[in-house]
Structure formats: C-alpha cells, structure tokens
Protein backbone atom coordinates (compact mmCIF):
# COMPACT_ATOMS: atom_id res chain seq x y z
CA MET A 1 0.00 0.00 0.00
CA ILE A 2 2.87 2.38 0.76
CA ARG A 3 4.31 1.84 -2.72
CA TYR A 4 0.96 2.76 -4.25
CA ILE A 5 0.67 5.92 -2.14
CA VAL A 6 4.24 6.98 -2.96
CA ALA A 7 3.58 6.54 -6.68
CA GLU A 8 0.10 8.14 -6.70
CA PHE A 9 1.01 11.25 -4.72
CA ALA A 10 4.58 11.70 -5.99
CA VAL A 11 5.97 11.46 -2.46
CA ASN A 12 9.57 12.59 -2.07
CA VAL A 13 9.98 12.23 1.73
CA ILE A 14 8.85 9.35 3.93
CA VAL A 15 9.00 9.85 7.70
CA VAL A 16 8.99 6.70 9.83
CA LEU A 17 8.14 7.18 13.49
CA GLY A 18 9.68 4.67 15.88
CA HIS A 19 9.48 1.54 13.72
CA GLU A 20 12.92 0.16 12.94
CA ARG A 21 11.85 -2.65 10.62
CA LEU A 22 9.62 -0.42 8.50
CA TYR A 23 12.42 2.13 8.27
CA ASN A 24 14.89 -0.51 7.01
CA ASP A 25 12.34 -1.81 4.47
CA MET A 26 11.73 1.70 3.15
CA VAL A 27 15.46 2.46 2.90
CA ARG A 28 15.99 -0.75 0.91
CA ARG A 29 13.02 -0.07 -1.36
CA TYR A 30 13.64 3.65 -1.94
CA ASP A 31 17.32 4.26 -2.38
CA LYS A 32 18.68 7.68 -3.36
CA LYS A 33 18.23 6.93 -7.07
CA SER A 34 14.44 6.80 -6.67
CA GLY A 35 14.27 10.41 -5.49
CA VAL A 36 12.54 9.45 -2.23
CA VAL A 37 14.27 10.27 1.04
CA VAL A 38 13.45 8.12 4.07
CA VAL A 39 13.83 9.77 7.49
CA ARG A 40 13.63 7.97 10.83
CA VAL A 41 12.30 9.84 13.87
CA ALA A 42 12.60 8.32 17.32
CA LYS A 43 9.38 7.89 19.26
CA SER A 44 9.08 10.17 22.28
CA GLY A 45 9.72 8.49 25.61
CA GLY A 46 6.24 9.44 26.83
CA ALA A 47 4.43 7.98 23.82
CA VAL A 48 2.38 4.85 24.47
CA GLU A 49 0.55 2.45 22.19
CA LEU A 50 -3.24 2.47 22.53
CA ASN A 51 -5.18 -0.72 22.05
CA GLU A 52 -8.04 -0.78 19.55
CA THR A 53 -10.70 -1.38 22.20
CA TYR A 54 -9.78 1.82 24.02
CA VAL A 55 -9.70 3.86 20.80
CA GLN A 56 -13.10 2.49 19.71
CA GLN A 57 -14.64 3.29 23.11
CA ALA A 58 -13.22 6.82 23.05
CA GLN A 59 -14.59 7.40 19.52
CA ASN A 60 -18.02 6.07 20.52
CA TYR A 61 -18.07 8.30 23.60
CA ARG A 62 -17.17 11.41 21.58
CA THR A 63 -19.79 10.60 18.93
CA LYS A 64 -22.46 10.13 21.59
CA GLN A 65 -21.35 13.35 23.31
CA TYR A 66 -21.56 15.25 20.01
CA PHE A 67 -25.14 14.16 19.28
CA TYR A 68 -26.60 13.85 22.80
CA GLY A 69 -24.49 16.28 24.82
CA ASP A 70 -22.96 15.67 28.22
CA LEU A 71 -24.03 16.33 31.81
CA LYS A 72 -23.85 20.13 31.36
CA ASN A 73 -25.59 20.35 27.99
CA VAL A 74 -28.19 17.73 27.19
CA LEU A 75 -29.07 17.57 23.51
CA SER A 76 -31.98 15.68 21.98
CA PRO A 77 -31.52 14.80 18.31
CA VAL A 78 -34.70 13.95 16.46
CA SER A 79 -35.16 12.06 13.23
CA ARG A 80 -38.27 11.74 11.12
CA THR A 81 -38.96 9.14 8.47
CA LEU A 82 -41.20 10.12 5.57
CA ASP A 83 -42.20 8.43 2.35
CA PHE A 84 -40.67 10.26 -0.57
CA LYS A 85 -44.06 10.38 -2.34
CA ASN A 86 -45.40 12.52 0.53
CA ILE A 87 -42.75 15.21 0.09
CA LYS A 88 -43.35 18.29 -2.05
CA VAL A 89 -40.40 20.41 -3.10
CA TYR A 90 -40.96 24.00 -4.18
CA ARG A 91 -38.54 26.29 -5.94
CA ILE A 92 -38.74 30.01 -5.32
CA ALA A 93 -37.44 31.95 -8.30
CA GLU A 94 -35.84 35.37 -8.17
CA ARG A 95 -37.85 38.24 -9.53
CA GLY A 96 -37.51 38.51 -13.28
CA ARG A 97 -35.86 35.10 -13.54
CA LEU A 98 -37.41 31.67 -13.81
C-alpha cells in the first residue's frame, strides 16, 4: 500500500516514526536513485501504544457526546422518516428570472 501511495502522490519524503523494521524496508526499497528520502524519527519516551478497544470506546463516547451532549448540555436529536411520495419540493425563483 505504501508503494501505491508513494507513486500516486509523488511522495519525495517518507517519515517513519519509531518503527525500525519499517524504516529498514523503506530504505531498501527507496534508495537515493528513486528520489525518495526516508527519514527515521525516534518515538518520544512518553508515547504509548493504545489498544483498539480503548480507541473504539473513546470514539463512541465522543460521537455520543456530540449528538446527545454531556451532563452540562443535554441535547436531543430527532429524526423523522417520511415516504418520498409525501414530500413536495418548491422552488422560489428570483424576480424577473425563472
């Protein structure tokens, strides 16, 4: 997938963050003749990996908070379902133009 992205977007710099094996693979694949420079950046000491369950729960919480609010601001989204045949659409024209 990375090769496809590099080709499609004409990438000239690839930055690899804290992944030694990926960095070595990219250096082997994109040598200086290819015009792509590969740069390795060390991961910060305070950076931690998040598991997918935690990320999914955080996203669900934020989505729910966006639509329904939180303890301070309670929101009540409403949806209505209508048959398309029961909908009438009107167009209001500008004066002098139809």
